[in-house]
Amino acid sequence: MNAEYLINHAKQTSDIAYRDAVAEDRLAYRVGMLEGYIKTLCQEIENHKDEILALNRQLIEKDN
């Protein structure tokens, strides 16, 4: 999964779910989906923060 996938998925989903709606409604839905993705990604980072820090330390030590 990458940023382009998430952006495209939000666009496609909003286009399908709000096919007959005005552009503002599709955009609002898309923004809501992207906000949800951001919250999920931030929570994943928080959940793995210690692991990320440990790996970062290992990389720094390896470079020295």
C-alpha atoms as a PDB file:
ATOM      1  CA  MET A   1       0.000   0.000   0.000  1.00  0.00           C
ATOM      2  CA  ASN A   2       1.312   3.440  -0.875  1.00  0.00           C
ATOM      3  CA  ALA A   3       0.057   7.020  -1.002  1.00  0.00           C
ATOM      4  CA  GLU A   4      -1.112   6.798  -4.612  1.00  0.00           C
ATOM      5  CA  TYR A   5      -3.154   3.695  -3.832  1.00  0.00           C
ATOM      6  CA  LEU A   6      -4.902   5.400  -0.901  1.00  0.00           C
ATOM      7  CA  ILE A   7      -5.592   8.575  -2.883  1.00  0.00           C
ATOM      8  CA  ASN A   8      -6.919   6.649  -5.884  1.00  0.00           C
ATOM      9  CA  HIS A   9      -9.021   4.383  -3.677  1.00  0.00           C
ATOM     10  CA  ALA A  10     -10.619   7.393  -1.976  1.00  0.00           C
ATOM     11  CA  LYS A  11     -11.332   8.974  -5.379  1.00  0.00           C
ATOM     12  CA  GLN A  12     -12.808   5.830  -6.895  1.00  0.00           C
ATOM     13  CA  THR A  13     -14.927   5.123  -3.835  1.00  0.00           C
ATOM     14  CA  SER A  14     -16.296   8.660  -3.732  1.00  0.00           C
ATOM     15  CA  ASP A  15     -17.005   8.573  -7.476  1.00  0.00           C
ATOM     16  CA  ILE A  16     -18.990   5.343  -7.061  1.00  0.00           C
ATOM     17  CA  ALA A  17     -20.758   6.167  -3.802  1.00  0.00           C
ATOM     18  CA  TYR A  18     -21.729   9.688  -4.930  1.00  0.00           C
ATOM     19  CA  ARG A  19     -21.983   9.134  -8.674  1.00  0.00           C
ATOM     20  CA  ASP A  20     -25.174  11.213  -8.982  1.00  0.00           C
ATOM     21  CA  ALA A  21     -24.218  13.834  -6.394  1.00  0.00           C
ATOM     22  CA  VAL A  22     -22.623  17.211  -6.886  1.00  0.00           C
ATOM     23  CA  ALA A  23     -18.827  17.474  -6.954  1.00  0.00           C
ATOM     24  CA  GLU A  24     -18.770  19.068  -3.503  1.00  0.00           C
ATOM     25  CA  ASP A  25     -20.370  15.964  -1.972  1.00  0.00           C
ATOM     26  CA  ARG A  26     -17.855  13.661  -3.663  1.00  0.00           C
ATOM     27  CA  LEU A  27     -15.022  15.880  -2.495  1.00  0.00           C
ATOM     28  CA  ALA A  28     -16.321  15.961   1.089  1.00  0.00           C
ATOM     29  CA  TYR A  29     -16.569  12.160   1.109  1.00  0.00           C
ATOM     30  CA  ARG A  30     -13.056  11.865  -0.324  1.00  0.00           C
ATOM     31  CA  VAL A  31     -11.653  14.245   2.290  1.00  0.00           C
ATOM     32  CA  GLY A  32     -13.339  12.215   5.027  1.00  0.00           C
ATOM     33  CA  MET A  33     -11.809   9.003   3.711  1.00  0.00           C
ATOM     34  CA  LEU A  34      -8.357  10.567   3.518  1.00  0.00           C
ATOM     35  CA  GLU A  35      -8.707  11.890   7.065  1.00  0.00           C
ATOM     36  CA  GLY A  36      -9.547   8.364   8.179  1.00  0.00           C
ATOM     37  CA  TYR A  37      -6.489   6.986   6.374  1.00  0.00           C
ATOM     38  CA  ILE A  38      -4.262   9.592   8.040  1.00  0.00           C
ATOM     39  CA  LYS A  39      -5.643   8.732  11.481  1.00  0.00           C
ATOM     40  CA  THR A  40      -5.095   5.020  10.850  1.00  0.00           C
ATOM     41  CA  LEU A  41      -1.535   5.543   9.628  1.00  0.00           C
ATOM     42  CA  CYS A  42      -0.707   7.774  12.598  1.00  0.00           C
ATOM     43  CA  GLN A  43      -2.079   5.143  14.970  1.00  0.00           C
ATOM     44  CA  GLU A  44       0.041   2.473  13.271  1.00  0.00           C
ATOM     45  CA  ILE A  45       3.116   4.640  13.713  1.00  0.00           C
ATOM     46  CA  GLU A  46       2.258   5.227  17.367  1.00  0.00           C
ATOM     47  CA  ASN A  47       1.696   1.503  17.914  1.00  0.00           C
ATOM     48  CA  HIS A  48       5.123   0.708  16.462  1.00  0.00           C
ATOM     49  CA  LYS A  49       6.994   3.745  17.759  1.00  0.00           C
ATOM     50  CA  ASP A  50       9.385   1.780  19.982  1.00  0.00           C
ATOM     51  CA  GLU A  51      10.218  -0.603  17.163  1.00  0.00           C
ATOM     52  CA  ILE A  52      10.774   2.280  14.753  1.00  0.00           C
ATOM     53  CA  LEU A  53      13.077   4.040  17.220  1.00  0.00           C
ATOM     54  CA  ALA A  54      15.063   0.845  17.811  1.00  0.00           C
ATOM     55  CA  LEU A  55      15.511   0.274  14.087  1.00  0.00           C
ATOM     56  CA  ASN A  56      16.493   3.899  13.627  1.00  0.00           C
ATOM     57  CA  ARG A  57      19.153   3.529  16.344  1.00  0.00           C
ATOM     58  CA  GLN A  58      20.456   0.383  14.647  1.00  0.00           C
ATOM     59  CA  LEU A  59      20.758   2.214  11.329  1.00  0.00           C
ATOM     60  CA  ILE A  60      22.606   5.105  12.965  1.00  0.00           C
ATOM     61  CA  GLU A  61      25.005   2.702  14.701  1.00  0.00           C
ATOM     62  CA  LYS A  62      25.562   0.837  11.437  1.00  0.00           C
ATOM     63  CA  ASP A  63      26.428   4.086   9.620  1.00  0.00           C
ATOM     64  CA  ASN A  64      28.984   5.009  12.302  1.00  0.00           C
END
